[in-house]
């Protein structure tokens, strides 16, 4: 008597029966949900800082995942310097890492006062330009004049040259 094929057939039947019983999901009525999402999509946030390339100021945008307490947070990003990707594209900075943290006061009529941790008079002209343009880019008014004050020294109010 040949029991091999019969046992295989019985095993296949048991496997099929087990598969047919499923995983215990019971039938139900049709379940309806709410309508599709609607409304406007929030725009992607970007952060603009000014870095140097070939000795000139360039606006560089970075993706943002949350609102920043700008301009202080944006200036902190500037003091941290270019990312690895930005360095690979030739961007540098003249802002020393010790320039941060920054204190920022936004006054009426588009005037912004930035106080770095470093003395204002010790910042190079390029570093001042980077700070001025980055602060102006985050100011609520589009035509901001920026004064840098620190350690009893002051850099005259400036507009972003770029």
C-alpha atoms as a PDB file:
ATOM      1  CA  UNK A   1       0.000   0.000   0.000  1.00  0.00           C
ATOM      2  CA  UNK A   2       1.220   3.432  -0.887  1.00  0.00           C
ATOM      3  CA  UNK A   3       0.653   5.924   1.901  1.00  0.00           C
ATOM      4  CA  UNK A   4       3.039   8.636   0.697  1.00  0.00           C
ATOM      5  CA  UNK A   5       0.737  10.267  -1.876  1.00  0.00           C
ATOM      6  CA  UNK A   6      -2.274   9.917   0.413  1.00  0.00           C
ATOM      7  CA  UNK A   7      -0.459  11.626   3.285  1.00  0.00           C
ATOM      8  CA  UNK A   8       0.668  14.433   1.007  1.00  0.00           C
ATOM      9  CA  UNK A   9      -2.887  14.914  -0.238  1.00  0.00           C
ATOM     10  CA  UNK A  10      -4.182  14.968   3.350  1.00  0.00           C
ATOM     11  CA  UNK A  11      -1.503  17.500   4.364  1.00  0.00           C
ATOM     12  CA  UNK A  12      -2.374  19.726   1.391  1.00  0.00           C
ATOM     13  CA  UNK A  13      -6.056  19.520   2.346  1.00  0.00           C
ATOM     14  CA  UNK A  14      -5.299  20.525   5.947  1.00  0.00           C
ATOM     15  CA  UNK A  15      -3.136  23.462   4.811  1.00  0.00           C
ATOM     16  CA  UNK A  16      -5.880  24.632   2.442  1.00  0.00           C
ATOM     17  CA  UNK A  17      -8.480  24.317   5.185  1.00  0.00           C
ATOM     18  CA  UNK A  18      -6.337  26.319   7.601  1.00  0.00           C
ATOM     19  CA  UNK A  19      -5.805  29.051   4.987  1.00  0.00           C
ATOM     20  CA  UNK A  20      -9.510  29.166   4.220  1.00  0.00           C
ATOM     21  CA  UNK A  21     -10.408  29.834   7.851  1.00  0.00           C
ATOM     22  CA  UNK A  22      -8.356  33.068   7.694  1.00  0.00           C
ATOM     23  CA  UNK A  23      -7.050  34.900  10.691  1.00  0.00           C
ATOM     24  CA  UNK A  24     -10.300  35.424  12.487  1.00  0.00           C
ATOM     25  CA  UNK A  25     -11.458  38.537  10.617  1.00  0.00           C
ATOM     26  CA  UNK A  26     -15.214  38.620  10.677  1.00  0.00           C
ATOM     27  CA  UNK A  27     -17.332  40.097   7.895  1.00  0.00           C
ATOM     28  CA  UNK A  28     -18.835  43.519   8.605  1.00  0.00           C
ATOM     29  CA  UNK A  29     -20.970  46.193   7.073  1.00  0.00           C
ATOM     30  CA  UNK A  30     -19.381  48.785   4.776  1.00  0.00           C
ATOM     31  CA  UNK A  31     -17.486  51.337   6.868  1.00  0.00           C
ATOM     32  CA  UNK A  32     -17.477  54.851   5.462  1.00  0.00           C
ATOM     33  CA  UNK A  33     -15.017  57.518   6.477  1.00  0.00           C
ATOM     34  CA  UNK A  34     -14.947  61.268   6.290  1.00  0.00           C
ATOM     35  CA  UNK A  35     -14.277  63.050   3.022  1.00  0.00           C
ATOM     36  CA  UNK A  36     -10.795  63.583   1.673  1.00  0.00           C
ATOM     37  CA  UNK A  37      -8.578  66.231   3.275  1.00  0.00           C
ATOM     38  CA  UNK A  38      -9.230  69.730   2.036  1.00  0.00           C
ATOM     39  CA  UNK A  39      -7.851  73.199   2.464  1.00  0.00           C
ATOM     40  CA  UNK A  40      -4.572  74.815   1.580  1.00  0.00           C
ATOM     41  CA  UNK A  41      -1.243  73.128   1.992  1.00  0.00           C
ATOM     42  CA  UNK A  42       1.139  74.976   4.258  1.00  0.00           C
ATOM     43  CA  UNK A  43       4.096  76.269   2.261  1.00  0.00           C
ATOM     44  CA  UNK A  44       7.426  74.613   2.852  1.00  0.00           C
ATOM     45  CA  UNK A  45       9.443  76.642   5.315  1.00  0.00           C
ATOM     46  CA  UNK A  46      12.827  77.920   4.310  1.00  0.00           C
ATOM     47  CA  UNK A  47      15.515  79.696   6.263  1.00  0.00           C
ATOM     48  CA  UNK A  48      17.746  82.237   4.526  1.00  0.00           C
ATOM     49  CA  UNK A  49      21.257  82.946   5.725  1.00  0.00           C
ATOM     50  CA  UNK A  50      24.059  84.749   3.946  1.00  0.00           C
ATOM     51  CA  UNK A  51      27.285  82.875   3.346  1.00  0.00           C
ATOM     52  CA  UNK A  52      30.393  83.703   1.349  1.00  0.00           C
ATOM     53  CA  UNK A  53      31.509  82.254  -1.949  1.00  0.00           C
ATOM     54  CA  UNK A  54      34.572  83.627  -3.685  1.00  0.00           C
ATOM     55  CA  UNK A  55      34.611  86.506  -1.180  1.00  0.00           C
ATOM     56  CA  UNK A  56      31.070  87.655  -2.027  1.00  0.00           C
ATOM     57  CA  UNK A  57      27.790  87.464  -0.104  1.00  0.00           C
ATOM     58  CA  UNK A  58      25.258  84.892  -1.320  1.00  0.00           C
ATOM     59  CA  UNK A  59      21.799  84.140   0.019  1.00  0.00           C
ATOM     60  CA  UNK A  60      21.563  80.445   0.892  1.00  0.00           C
ATOM     61  CA  UNK A  61      18.247  78.836   1.730  1.00  0.00           C
ATOM     62  CA  UNK A  62      17.869  75.842   3.957  1.00  0.00           C
ATOM     63  CA  UNK A  63      14.761  73.784   4.537  1.00  0.00           C
ATOM     64  CA  UNK A  64      13.087  74.467   7.847  1.00  0.00           C
ATOM     65  CA  UNK A  65      11.046  71.976   9.787  1.00  0.00           C
ATOM     66  CA  UNK A  66       9.674  74.378  12.367  1.00  0.00           C
ATOM     67  CA  UNK A  67       9.261  78.093  12.843  1.00  0.00           C
ATOM     68  CA  UNK A  68      12.384  79.663  14.260  1.00  0.00           C
ATOM     69  CA  UNK A  69      12.460  82.287  16.955  1.00  0.00           C
ATOM     70  CA  UNK A  70      14.049  84.473  14.394  1.00  0.00           C
ATOM     71  CA  UNK A  71      16.191  86.387  13.860  1.00  0.00           C
ATOM     72  CA  UNK A  72      18.151  85.041  16.866  1.00  0.00           C
ATOM     73  CA  UNK A  73      17.837  81.381  15.801  1.00  0.00           C
ATOM     74  CA  UNK A  74      18.688  82.221  12.200  1.00  0.00           C
ATOM     75  CA  UNK A  75      21.773  84.135  13.322  1.00  0.00           C
ATOM     76  CA  UNK A  76      22.756  81.123  15.467  1.00  0.00           C
ATOM     77  CA  UNK A  77      22.650  78.999  12.301  1.00  0.00           C
ATOM     78  CA  UNK A  78      24.873  81.583  10.629  1.00  0.00           C
ATOM     79  CA  UNK A  79      27.392  81.422  13.494  1.00  0.00           C
ATOM     80  CA  UNK A  80      27.411  77.601  13.210  1.00  0.00           C
ATOM     81  CA  UNK A  81      28.770  78.011   9.689  1.00  0.00           C
ATOM     82  CA  UNK A  82      28.013  76.236   6.431  1.00  0.00           C
ATOM     83  CA  UNK A  83      26.708  72.680   6.329  1.00  0.00           C
ATOM     84  CA  UNK A  84      28.818  69.918   4.754  1.00  0.00           C
ATOM     85  CA  UNK A  85      26.807  70.254   1.546  1.00  0.00           C
ATOM     86  CA  UNK A  86      27.272  74.031   1.489  1.00  0.00           C
ATOM     87  CA  UNK A  87      31.033  73.608   2.054  1.00  0.00           C
ATOM     88  CA  UNK A  88      31.133  71.128  -0.819  1.00  0.00           C
ATOM     89  CA  UNK A  89      29.593  73.849  -3.016  1.00  0.00           C
ATOM     90  CA  UNK A  90      32.312  76.332  -2.006  1.00  0.00           C
ATOM     91  CA  UNK A  91      30.489  78.326   0.685  1.00  0.00           C
ATOM     92  CA  UNK A  92      32.403  79.686   3.671  1.00  0.00           C
ATOM     93  CA  UNK A  93      31.785  82.154   6.472  1.00  0.00           C
ATOM     94  CA  UNK A  94      33.635  85.044   8.070  1.00  0.00           C
ATOM     95  CA  UNK A  95      31.373  84.999  11.142  1.00  0.00           C
ATOM     96  CA  UNK A  96      33.372  83.505  14.006  1.00  0.00           C
ATOM     97  CA  UNK A  97      31.648  80.719  15.980  1.00  0.00           C
ATOM     98  CA  UNK A  98      32.104  82.852  19.114  1.00  0.00           C
ATOM     99  CA  UNK A  99      29.881  85.576  17.652  1.00  0.00           C
ATOM    100  CA  UNK A 100      26.789  83.774  18.930  1.00  0.00           C
ATOM    101  CA  UNK A 101      24.539  83.781  20.749  1.00  0.00           C
ATOM    102  CA  UNK A 102      22.979  86.945  19.461  1.00  0.00           C
ATOM    103  CA  UNK A 103      20.513  89.331  21.013  1.00  0.00           C
ATOM    104  CA  UNK A 104      18.150  91.045  18.590  1.00  0.00           C
ATOM    105  CA  UNK A 105      15.829  94.010  19.047  1.00  0.00           C
ATOM    106  CA  UNK A 106      13.421  94.867  16.255  1.00  0.00           C
ATOM    107  CA  UNK A 107      12.272  98.486  16.398  1.00  0.00           C
ATOM    108  CA  UNK A 108       9.577 100.270  14.419  1.00  0.00           C
ATOM    109  CA  UNK A 109      10.324 101.622  10.960  1.00  0.00           C
ATOM    110  CA  UNK A 110      12.416  98.590  10.043  1.00  0.00           C
ATOM    111  CA  UNK A 111      15.389  99.131  12.339  1.00  0.00           C
ATOM    112  CA  UNK A 112      17.060  96.041  13.811  1.00  0.00           C
ATOM    113  CA  UNK A 113      19.774  96.080  16.477  1.00  0.00           C
ATOM    114  CA  UNK A 114      21.924  92.955  16.708  1.00  0.00           C
ATOM    115  CA  UNK A 115      24.220  92.359  19.655  1.00  0.00           C
ATOM    116  CA  UNK A 116      26.667  89.509  19.070  1.00  0.00           C
ATOM    117  CA  UNK A 117      28.665  87.885  21.860  1.00  0.00           C
ATOM    118  CA  UNK A 118      31.856  89.034  20.123  1.00  0.00           C
ATOM    119  CA  UNK A 119      32.826  92.730  20.156  1.00  0.00           C
ATOM    120  CA  UNK A 120      31.275  94.451  17.151  1.00  0.00           C
ATOM    121  CA  UNK A 121      34.512  96.238  16.245  1.00  0.00           C
ATOM    122  CA  UNK A 122      36.377  92.926  15.940  1.00  0.00           C
ATOM    123  CA  UNK A 123      34.092  91.578  13.200  1.00  0.00           C
ATOM    124  CA  UNK A 124      35.446  91.747   9.655  1.00  0.00           C
ATOM    125  CA  UNK A 125      33.559  93.693   6.996  1.00  0.00           C
ATOM    126  CA  UNK A 126      32.432  90.395   5.435  1.00  0.00           C
ATOM    127  CA  UNK A 127      31.183  89.072   8.798  1.00  0.00           C
ATOM    128  CA  UNK A 128      29.257  92.314   9.350  1.00  0.00           C
ATOM    129  CA  UNK A 129      27.726  91.954   5.880  1.00  0.00           C
ATOM    130  CA  UNK A 130      26.678  88.373   6.616  1.00  0.00           C
ATOM    131  CA  UNK A 131      25.060  89.354   9.917  1.00  0.00           C
ATOM    132  CA  UNK A 132      23.355  92.426   8.448  1.00  0.00           C
ATOM    133  CA  UNK A 133      21.916  90.547   5.467  1.00  0.00           C
ATOM    134  CA  UNK A 134      20.826  87.524   7.514  1.00  0.00           C
ATOM    135  CA  UNK A 135      19.121  89.746  10.111  1.00  0.00           C
ATOM    136  CA  UNK A 136      17.488  91.849   7.371  1.00  0.00           C
ATOM    137  CA  UNK A 137      16.201  88.687   5.650  1.00  0.00           C
ATOM    138  CA  UNK A 138      14.377  87.660   8.835  1.00  0.00           C
ATOM    139  CA  UNK A 139      13.056  91.093   9.777  1.00  0.00           C
ATOM    140  CA  UNK A 140       9.300  91.557   9.567  1.00  0.00           C
ATOM    141  CA  UNK A 141       9.740  94.608   7.353  1.00  0.00           C
ATOM    142  CA  UNK A 142      11.343  94.138   3.963  1.00  0.00           C
ATOM    143  CA  UNK A 143      13.588  97.223   4.140  1.00  0.00           C
ATOM    144  CA  UNK A 144      15.440  96.750   7.404  1.00  0.00           C
ATOM    145  CA  UNK A 145      18.443  98.763   8.530  1.00  0.00           C
ATOM    146  CA  UNK A 146      20.678  96.814  10.874  1.00  0.00           C
ATOM    147  CA  UNK A 147      22.984  98.146  13.582  1.00  0.00           C
ATOM    148  CA  UNK A 148      25.490  95.808  15.219  1.00  0.00           C
ATOM    149  CA  UNK A 149      26.365  96.709  18.807  1.00  0.00           C
ATOM    150  CA  UNK A 150      28.636  94.810  21.157  1.00  0.00           C
ATOM    151  CA  UNK A 151      31.229  95.312  23.900  1.00  0.00           C
ATOM    152  CA  UNK A 152      30.821  99.084  23.822  1.00  0.00           C
ATOM    153  CA  UNK A 153      31.409  99.212  20.072  1.00  0.00           C
ATOM    154  CA  UNK A 154      28.884  99.929  17.348  1.00  0.00           C
ATOM    155  CA  UNK A 155      28.805  99.375  13.611  1.00  0.00           C
ATOM    156  CA  UNK A 156      26.780 102.105  11.884  1.00  0.00           C
ATOM    157  CA  UNK A 157      23.303 101.181  10.633  1.00  0.00           C
ATOM    158  CA  UNK A 158      23.498  99.359   7.318  1.00  0.00           C
ATOM    159  CA  UNK A 159      21.309  97.948   4.631  1.00  0.00           C
ATOM    160  CA  UNK A 160      22.050  94.588   3.104  1.00  0.00           C
ATOM    161  CA  UNK A 161      24.341  95.265   0.117  1.00  0.00           C
ATOM    162  CA  UNK A 162      23.282  92.062  -1.623  1.00  0.00           C
END
